[in-house]
Protein backbone atom coordinates (compact mmCIF):
# COMPACT_ATOMS: atom_id res chain seq x y z
CA MET A 1 -1.91 -20.22 31.22
CA SER A 2 0.74 -17.94 29.66
CA LYS A 3 0.06 -16.16 26.43
CA ARG A 4 2.88 -18.15 24.84
CA THR A 5 1.02 -21.33 25.80
CA THR A 6 -2.21 -19.81 24.51
CA ILE A 7 -0.62 -19.11 21.10
CA ALA A 8 0.47 -22.73 20.93
CA ALA A 9 -3.03 -23.83 21.87
CA LEU A 10 -4.54 -21.62 19.18
CA LEU A 11 -2.22 -23.14 16.59
CA LEU A 12 -3.48 -26.55 17.65
CA VAL A 13 -7.08 -25.36 17.28
CA ALA A 14 -6.29 -24.18 13.75
CA THR A 15 -5.19 -27.70 12.90
CA ALA A 16 -7.67 -29.52 15.12
CA GLY A 17 -8.67 -33.05 14.29
CA PHE A 18 -5.50 -34.07 12.52
CA GLY A 19 -3.37 -35.39 15.37
CA GLU A 20 -0.14 -33.97 16.74
CA ASP A 21 1.62 -31.83 14.15
CA LYS A 22 5.20 -32.67 13.24
CA VAL A 23 5.45 -29.36 11.35
CA HIS A 24 4.88 -26.04 13.06
CA MET A 25 5.81 -22.38 12.92
CA LEU A 26 8.52 -21.07 15.22
CA THR A 27 6.43 -18.50 17.08
CA VAL A 28 7.49 -15.65 19.35
CA ASP A 29 7.95 -16.69 22.97
CA GLY A 30 8.58 -14.82 26.20
CA GLU A 31 7.33 -11.27 26.70
CA GLY A 32 6.98 -10.72 22.95
CA SER A 33 4.07 -13.17 22.82
CA ARG A 34 2.02 -10.60 24.77
CA TYR A 35 2.28 -8.02 22.00
CA TRP A 36 2.41 -7.77 18.17
CA PRO A 37 6.16 -7.56 17.56
CA SER A 38 6.38 -8.49 13.90
CA TRP A 39 4.59 -9.03 10.61
CA ARG A 40 1.40 -11.06 11.25
CA GLY A 41 1.91 -10.98 15.01
CA PRO A 42 3.60 -13.36 17.48
CA SER A 43 2.22 -16.41 15.69
CA GLY A 44 3.51 -15.17 12.32
CA GLN A 45 0.13 -16.32 10.95
CA GLY A 46 -2.39 -13.63 11.92
CA TYR A 47 -3.84 -15.45 14.95
CA VAL A 48 -5.12 -13.29 17.81
CA VAL A 49 -5.42 -14.62 21.35
CA GLY A 50 -7.53 -13.13 24.12
CA SER A 51 -10.98 -11.58 24.14
CA GLY A 52 -12.62 -8.18 24.22
CA TYR A 53 -11.84 -7.18 20.65
CA PRO A 54 -14.78 -5.39 19.02
CA ASP A 55 -15.96 -6.79 15.71
CA ARG A 56 -17.82 -3.63 14.70
CA TRP A 57 -16.46 -0.16 13.95
CA SER A 58 -16.64 2.78 11.54
CA ASP A 59 -14.66 6.01 11.12
CA SER A 60 -16.13 7.10 14.46
CA GLU A 61 -17.73 4.08 16.21
CA ASN A 62 -15.34 2.39 18.65
CA VAL A 63 -12.49 4.70 17.58
CA ILE A 64 -10.48 5.43 20.74
CA TRP A 65 -7.97 7.72 19.04
CA LYS A 66 -6.89 8.74 15.57
CA VAL A 67 -3.65 10.55 14.69
CA ALA A 68 -1.99 11.75 11.51
CA VAL A 69 1.05 9.88 10.19
CA PRO A 70 3.65 12.01 8.42
CA GLY A 71 4.46 10.84 4.93
CA ALA A 72 3.15 7.63 3.42
CA GLY A 73 3.78 3.92 3.71
CA ASN A 74 2.14 0.52 3.58
CA SER A 75 4.11 -1.15 6.37
CA SER A 76 2.04 -2.53 9.22
CA PRO A 77 2.32 -1.22 12.77
CA ILE A 78 4.03 -3.36 15.40
CA VAL A 79 3.45 -3.12 19.15
CA TRP A 80 5.59 -3.63 22.24
CA ALA A 81 4.37 -2.56 25.68
CA ASP A 82 3.12 1.05 25.30
CA ARG A 83 4.91 1.64 22.00
CA ILE A 84 3.80 1.41 18.38
CA PHE A 85 6.41 1.46 15.62
CA LEU A 86 6.03 1.88 11.88
CA THR A 87 8.03 3.13 8.92
CA THR A 88 7.19 6.01 6.62
CA ALA A 89 8.45 7.81 3.50
CA GLU A 90 8.29 11.54 2.91
CA GLU A 91 9.18 13.77 -0.02
CA GLY A 92 8.53 11.02 -2.55
CA GLY A 93 10.93 8.61 -0.91
CA ARG A 94 13.70 11.14 -0.32
CA ARG A 95 13.28 10.88 3.46
CA LEU A 96 12.70 7.48 5.12
CA SER A 97 12.04 7.23 8.84
CA LEU A 98 10.99 4.98 11.70
CA LEU A 99 8.23 6.39 13.89
CA SER A 100 7.33 5.65 17.50
CA TYR A 101 3.88 6.37 18.97
CA ARG A 102 2.58 5.99 22.50
CA ARG A 103 -0.02 3.25 22.40
CA SER A 104 -2.23 4.65 25.14
CA ASP A 105 -3.07 7.94 23.39
CA GLY A 106 -1.39 7.92 19.95
CA LYS A 107 1.15 10.64 20.74
CA LEU A 108 4.11 10.72 18.35
CA LEU A 109 7.19 10.22 20.54
CA TRP A 110 9.95 10.39 17.96
CA LYS A 111 10.79 10.17 14.26
CA THR A 112 14.26 9.06 13.17
CA ALA A 113 15.42 9.32 9.57
CA VAL A 114 17.88 6.78 8.15
CA GLN A 115 20.89 7.39 5.98
CA GLN A 116 20.00 6.95 2.33
CA LYS A 117 21.71 6.44 -0.98
CA GLY A 118 19.50 7.87 -3.70
CA ILE A 119 15.82 7.12 -4.19
CA GLU A 120 14.54 3.63 -4.86
CA LYS A 121 11.76 2.95 -7.33
CA GLY A 122 8.22 2.88 -5.98
CA HIS A 123 4.67 1.91 -6.85
CA GLY A 124 1.23 2.92 -5.61
CA LYS A 125 0.67 -0.50 -4.04
CA ASN A 126 4.18 -0.68 -2.65
CA GLY A 127 5.71 2.76 -2.12
CA HIS A 128 8.98 3.38 -0.29
CA ALA A 129 8.03 2.08 3.18
CA SER A 130 6.33 -1.29 2.81
CA ALA A 131 8.44 -3.60 4.96
CA THR A 132 7.03 -4.10 8.46
CA PRO A 133 9.65 -3.69 11.23
CA ILE A 134 10.25 -6.22 14.02
CA THR A 135 11.29 -5.85 17.65
CA ASP A 136 12.61 -8.03 20.46
CA GLY A 137 11.86 -5.43 23.12
CA GLN A 138 15.44 -4.17 23.05
CA LEU A 139 15.87 -2.89 19.51
CA ILE A 140 13.61 -2.25 16.51
CA TYR A 141 14.81 -3.63 13.18
CA ALA A 142 13.57 -2.24 9.87
CA SER A 143 14.39 -2.95 6.24
CA PHE A 144 14.61 0.08 3.99
CA GLY A 145 15.41 -1.80 0.79
CA THR A 146 18.46 -0.56 -1.02
CA HIS A 147 19.26 1.72 1.93
CA GLY A 148 19.91 -1.24 4.20
CA LEU A 149 18.78 -2.96 7.35
CA VAL A 150 18.62 -0.65 10.38
CA ALA A 151 18.47 -1.26 14.14
CA MET A 152 17.28 1.46 16.54
CA ASP A 153 16.78 1.56 20.28
CA PHE A 154 13.51 2.54 21.95
CA ASP A 155 14.67 6.17 22.12
CA GLY A 156 15.06 6.37 18.36
CA GLN A 157 18.85 6.22 18.28
CA ILE A 158 20.40 4.26 15.40
CA VAL A 159 22.47 1.38 16.80
CA TRP A 160 23.62 0.02 13.46
CA GLN A 161 22.81 0.18 9.76
CA SER A 162 23.99 -2.66 7.53
CA GLU A 163 24.28 -2.48 3.76
CA VAL A 164 22.55 -5.08 1.60
CA GLY A 165 23.73 -3.77 -1.76
CA THR A 166 21.92 -1.78 -4.40
CA LEU A 167 18.50 -3.28 -5.11
CA ASP A 168 16.82 -2.91 -8.49
CA ASN A 169 13.18 -3.95 -8.33
CA TYR A 170 10.79 -2.27 -10.76
CA HIS A 171 8.15 -1.70 -8.02
CA GLY A 172 10.65 -1.00 -5.27
CA SER A 173 11.58 -3.20 -2.32
CA ALA A 174 9.34 -4.88 0.23
CA GLY A 175 9.56 -8.04 2.30
CA SER A 176 9.78 -7.82 6.08
CA PRO A 177 12.66 -9.10 8.21
CA ILE A 178 12.14 -11.98 10.66
CA PHE A 179 13.99 -13.34 13.68
CA TYR A 180 15.73 -16.65 14.07
CA LYS A 181 17.50 -17.05 17.41
CA ASP A 182 20.18 -14.30 17.49
CA LYS A 183 19.75 -13.45 13.81
CA VAL A 184 17.67 -11.13 11.65
CA ILE A 185 16.85 -12.76 8.31
CA LEU A 186 15.82 -10.96 5.13
CA TYR A 187 15.44 -11.95 1.51
CA GLN A 188 15.32 -9.63 -1.48
CA ASP A 189 14.64 -10.73 -5.05
CA HIS A 190 15.36 -8.12 -7.70
CA GLN A 191 16.88 -7.53 -11.14
CA GLY A 192 20.40 -7.60 -9.73
CA GLN A 193 21.84 -10.31 -7.50
CA SER A 194 18.97 -11.66 -5.41
CA PHE A 195 19.78 -13.07 -1.99
CA VAL A 196 18.65 -14.34 1.38
CA ALA A 197 20.86 -13.27 4.29
CA ALA A 198 21.17 -13.37 8.07
CA PHE A 199 22.55 -10.59 10.28
CA ASN A 200 23.65 -10.59 13.91
CA LYS A 201 20.95 -8.87 16.00
CA LYS A 202 23.38 -7.01 18.24
CA SER A 203 26.04 -5.88 15.79
CA GLY A 204 24.41 -5.94 12.35
CA GLU A 205 27.31 -8.02 11.07
CA ARG A 206 26.31 -10.34 8.25
CA VAL A 207 26.38 -13.97 9.41
CA TRP A 208 25.68 -15.58 6.05
CA ARG A 209 24.36 -14.70 2.60
CA THR A 210 23.05 -17.09 -0.07
CA GLU A 211 22.59 -15.91 -3.63
CA ARG A 212 19.36 -16.68 -5.44
CA SER A 213 18.52 -16.93 -9.14
CA THR A 214 15.01 -15.44 -8.98
CA ARG A 215 14.60 -11.85 -10.11
CA THR A 216 11.16 -10.64 -8.97
CA GLY A 217 9.32 -10.74 -5.66
CA TRP A 218 8.33 -8.89 -2.51
CA GLY A 219 7.68 -11.63 0.03
CA THR A 220 8.43 -12.36 3.68
CA PRO A 221 9.83 -15.77 4.71
CA VAL A 222 8.88 -17.95 7.69
CA VAL A 223 10.86 -20.36 9.84
CA ILE A 224 9.31 -23.72 10.68
CA ASN A 225 10.32 -26.86 12.48
CA ALA A 226 9.71 -29.94 10.35
CA ASP A 227 10.03 -33.14 12.36
CA GLY A 228 12.91 -31.73 14.41
CA ARG A 229 14.68 -29.75 11.66
CA ASP A 230 14.39 -25.97 11.42
CA GLU A 231 13.71 -24.74 7.88
CA LEU A 232 13.60 -21.21 6.49
CA ILE A 233 10.84 -21.15 3.85
CA VAL A 234 10.96 -18.65 0.97
CA SER A 235 8.02 -18.58 -1.45
CA SER A 236 9.07 -16.76 -4.61
CA GLN A 237 8.93 -16.50 -8.37
CA GLY A 238 8.76 -20.01 -9.81
CA ASN A 239 9.47 -22.01 -6.69
CA VAL A 240 9.31 -22.49 -2.94
CA THR A 241 12.72 -23.05 -1.35
CA ALA A 242 13.83 -24.16 2.10
CA TYR A 243 17.15 -23.10 3.62
CA ASN A 244 19.06 -23.98 6.75
CA PRO A 245 18.49 -20.86 8.90
CA GLU A 246 21.80 -21.38 10.71
CA SER A 247 23.99 -21.49 7.60
CA GLY A 248 21.92 -20.45 4.58
CA GLY A 249 22.46 -23.76 2.82
CA GLU A 250 19.65 -24.86 0.50
CA LEU A 251 17.66 -27.85 1.74
CA TRP A 252 14.91 -28.46 -0.81
CA THR A 253 12.87 -26.79 -3.52
CA VAL A 254 9.43 -27.17 -5.10
CA THR A 255 8.52 -25.71 -8.47
CA GLY A 256 5.05 -24.50 -9.49
CA ASN A 257 4.78 -20.90 -8.32
CA LYS A 258 3.96 -18.20 -10.84
CA PHE A 259 5.43 -14.74 -11.46
CA GLU A 260 5.46 -11.89 -8.88
CA VAL A 261 4.98 -13.67 -5.57
CA ILE A 262 4.07 -11.67 -2.45
CA PRO A 263 2.04 -13.76 0.09
CA THR A 264 3.78 -15.14 3.17
CA PRO A 265 3.55 -18.94 3.52
CA VAL A 266 1.30 -20.38 6.24
CA VAL A 267 1.70 -23.62 8.12
CA GLY A 268 -0.66 -26.30 9.45
CA HIS A 269 -1.55 -30.00 9.24
CA ASP A 270 2.12 -30.86 8.64
CA LEU A 271 1.99 -28.78 5.46
CA VAL A 272 3.34 -25.47 4.17
CA PHE A 273 0.85 -23.54 2.02
CA ALA A 274 2.27 -21.15 -0.58
CA SER A 275 0.14 -18.92 -2.81
CA SER A 276 1.56 -17.37 -5.95
CA GLY A 277 1.04 -14.20 -7.89
CA ARG A 278 -1.92 -12.86 -9.81
CA ALA A 279 -4.41 -15.69 -9.34
CA GLY A 280 -1.88 -18.49 -9.78
CA PRO A 281 -1.93 -21.79 -7.88
CA THR A 282 -1.82 -22.48 -4.17
CA LEU A 283 0.59 -25.29 -3.27
CA ALA A 284 0.27 -27.54 -0.22
CA ILE A 285 3.77 -28.86 0.45
CA ARG A 286 5.03 -31.46 2.89
CA PRO A 287 8.35 -29.99 4.05
CA GLY A 288 11.51 -32.00 4.50
CA GLY A 289 13.54 -33.97 2.03
CA SER A 290 16.46 -32.83 -0.09
CA GLY A 291 16.86 -31.34 -3.55
CA ASP A 292 13.92 -30.96 -5.94
CA VAL A 293 10.97 -32.58 -4.16
CA THR A 294 8.22 -31.33 -6.48
CA ASP A 295 7.15 -34.81 -7.54
CA THR A 296 7.15 -36.26 -4.02
CA HIS A 297 6.19 -33.49 -1.58
CA VAL A 298 3.35 -31.52 -3.21
CA VAL A 299 0.29 -32.97 -1.47
CA TRP A 300 -2.28 -30.91 -3.37
CA LYS A 301 -2.56 -27.72 -5.37
CA SER A 302 -5.34 -25.49 -6.64
CA PRO A 303 -4.93 -24.64 -10.32
CA LYS A 304 -5.66 -20.91 -9.99
CA GLY A 305 -7.33 -18.22 -7.93
CA ALA A 306 -4.58 -17.64 -5.37
CA PRO A 307 -4.13 -14.17 -3.88
CA PHE A 308 -1.66 -11.77 -5.45
CA VAL A 309 -0.84 -9.70 -2.33
CA PRO A 310 -2.65 -10.93 0.84
CA SER A 311 -1.42 -13.99 2.70
CA ALA A 312 -3.70 -16.89 3.58
CA ILE A 313 -4.85 -18.02 7.03
CA ILE A 314 -5.75 -21.37 8.60
CA VAL A 315 -8.71 -21.63 10.98
CA GLU A 316 -10.11 -24.87 12.41
CA GLY A 317 -8.82 -27.08 9.63
CA GLN A 318 -9.70 -24.65 6.83
CA LEU A 319 -7.33 -22.65 4.63
CA TYR A 320 -8.82 -19.27 3.69
CA THR A 321 -7.50 -17.28 0.71
CA ILE A 322 -8.75 -14.06 -0.85
CA ASN A 323 -8.39 -13.64 -4.62
CA ASP A 324 -7.70 -9.90 -4.75
CA MET A 325 -8.28 -9.83 -8.51
CA GLN A 326 -11.97 -10.73 -8.11
CA ALA A 327 -12.64 -10.22 -4.36
CA ILE A 328 -13.52 -13.91 -3.92
CA VAL A 329 -12.74 -15.72 -0.68
CA THR A 330 -12.16 -19.47 -0.91
CA SER A 331 -12.14 -21.95 1.96
CA PHE A 332 -10.25 -25.20 1.39
CA GLU A 333 -10.13 -28.25 3.57
CA ALA A 334 -6.51 -27.75 4.52
CA GLU A 335 -5.48 -31.39 4.55
CA THR A 336 -7.01 -32.36 1.18
CA GLY A 337 -7.54 -29.17 -0.83
CA LYS A 338 -11.28 -29.80 -1.15
CA VAL A 339 -13.11 -26.51 -1.77
CA LEU A 340 -15.66 -25.99 0.98
CA PHE A 341 -17.05 -22.67 -0.24
CA GLN A 342 -16.44 -19.51 -2.21
CA GLY A 343 -18.01 -16.10 -1.72
CA ARG A 344 -17.59 -12.56 -2.98
CA LEU A 345 -16.52 -9.80 -0.59
CA GLY A 346 -17.93 -6.54 -1.89
CA ASN A 347 -17.14 -5.16 -5.31
CA ALA A 348 -14.47 -6.69 -7.50
CA PRO A 349 -11.88 -4.05 -8.43
CA ARG A 350 -8.64 -5.45 -9.81
CA GLU A 351 -6.10 -5.89 -7.01
CA GLY A 352 -8.63 -4.70 -4.43
CA PHE A 353 -7.11 -6.33 -1.31
CA SER A 354 -3.64 -5.81 0.14
CA ALA A 355 -3.96 -6.42 3.90
CA SER A 356 -3.66 -9.99 5.13
CA PRO A 357 -6.54 -11.51 7.14
CA VAL A 358 -6.60 -12.08 10.90
CA VAL A 359 -8.70 -14.44 13.00
CA VAL A 360 -10.23 -13.25 16.26
CA ASP A 361 -12.66 -15.14 18.47
CA GLY A 362 -13.92 -17.51 15.78
CA LYS A 363 -14.23 -14.83 13.10
CA VAL A 364 -12.04 -14.14 10.08
CA PHE A 365 -11.48 -10.48 9.14
CA PHE A 366 -10.60 -9.43 5.56
CA THR A 367 -9.85 -5.73 4.91
CA ASN A 368 -9.83 -4.34 1.37
CA ASP A 369 -7.96 -1.32 0.03
CA GLU A 370 -10.94 0.97 0.56
CA GLY A 371 -10.95 0.33 4.30
CA GLU A 372 -13.88 -2.11 4.30
CA THR A 373 -13.45 -5.04 6.70
CA PHE A 374 -15.56 -8.12 5.94
CA VAL A 375 -16.31 -10.22 9.01
CA LEU A 376 -16.85 -13.93 8.30
CA LYS A 377 -17.89 -16.56 10.77
CA ALA A 378 -15.30 -19.32 10.74
CA GLY A 379 -16.87 -22.55 9.54
CA PRO A 380 -17.51 -24.81 6.57
CA THR A 381 -20.10 -22.50 4.96
CA PHE A 382 -19.89 -18.93 3.73
CA GLU A 383 -21.44 -16.69 6.39
CA LEU A 384 -20.74 -12.96 6.10
CA LEU A 385 -21.74 -11.40 9.41
CA HIS A 386 -21.28 -7.71 8.57
CA VAL A 387 -18.96 -5.14 6.99
CA ASN A 388 -17.07 -2.38 8.85
CA ARG A 389 -16.02 0.78 7.02
CA ILE A 390 -13.20 3.06 8.16
CA GLY A 391 -13.66 5.32 5.14
CA ALA A 392 -9.96 5.58 4.28
CA ARG A 393 -7.64 3.75 1.91
CA THR A 394 -6.03 0.88 3.85
CA LEU A 395 -3.26 -1.30 2.46
CA ALA A 396 -1.48 -2.25 5.69
CA SER A 397 -2.45 -5.22 7.85
CA PRO A 398 -3.64 -4.42 11.40
CA ALA A 399 -1.95 -5.14 14.72
CA LEU A 400 -4.04 -6.39 17.67
CA VAL A 401 -3.11 -6.23 21.36
CA ASP A 402 -5.12 -6.16 24.61
CA GLY A 403 -8.54 -5.84 23.02
CA ARG A 404 -7.54 -3.07 20.61
CA TRP A 405 -7.04 -2.93 16.87
CA TYR A 406 -4.35 -0.68 15.36
CA PHE A 407 -4.97 0.23 11.72
CA ARG A 408 -2.67 2.23 9.50
CA THR A 409 -4.60 3.98 6.73
CA GLU A 410 -3.26 6.10 3.91
CA ARG A 411 -2.63 9.07 6.21
CA GLU A 412 -3.57 8.06 9.76
CA LEU A 413 -3.06 5.60 12.59
CA LEU A 414 -6.23 4.48 14.38
CA CYS A 415 -6.86 2.71 17.66
CA ILE A 416 -10.15 0.79 17.72
CA GLY A 417 -11.55 -0.74 20.90
CA SER A 418 -14.72 -1.18 22.88
């Protein structure tokens, strides 16, 4: 069985018991499915295939290597073959770069700075390098906010850099690019003219751009197939909107989101789940339709308690969210919205979680900003197995490939394995 087939099988396990799904994520296929080429991995949902991943570690236990990362950033590492890529900001955002490390031993292979125009605003939870890059094995694509979308080859040479216009977001830019066929898609909501746009992968030429009315947000979109139609889903301030990924035309919208939306939507049970800012609601939406479908396509919603920063995850028919305001994990029955359990993960500092969860071998892993990873057994009851502590501030989500975890902490990159 190929890993691509295994990813598809894992997605079916996540939605087990509910028949054949008519709605599904467009996942990475081909060689990329073997690695972690984008935000939340080849599934786009934080699912990890394969075995041999340790579920226990510390700042020394099961640490294979640990290397310093120049500068600072909250972008997650991505992996292709023996390469790790991540972005970083030095000199308070005056120097932005893409880094390449050798996966086998953590050696820094190259660092390439991008052309900049001024210094964008930043924030402690966002910074100047928060967008996770993506790769197709030929080029690496990274969003540097107001400084544009950049493509580099595996030797660190800039192939193209496309302007996106001056962005004015009071916490700086975020939101990771995604692939759709031969396009790189990015959306940026800010105080100026917000937009969602597609760029040609090879040339960087803009294929289409659709203006948006929202003014605040730092999210990453997903592309789904809904009963034969591809839809680009953007969860943002006030609403969730679907676009035609080929043309940028708006398909449908649902209202109900709150202010400052960050989590990436997740997909399962023929539904799209969108969580909105600062303990707002979680919406379960049946995609499809045309125009404003709020009254007809919202299957269920929780009134409050949604995560502010971390995305949700679906495991064996359950939707898991972490309320980062109070450190409370909630498990919903994904199809109905019934709350199965709630439990506290450690202390409850305000905005204490940034990394999004992953599921490995029947366990769900939640990492807080202090580098504590809470390991839960997947199931209908709250069962905390143990807590791992790296001992370093950790806002980035991990990448997992071939039995190894790759964590980016405040100052270092770690490889964890048995």
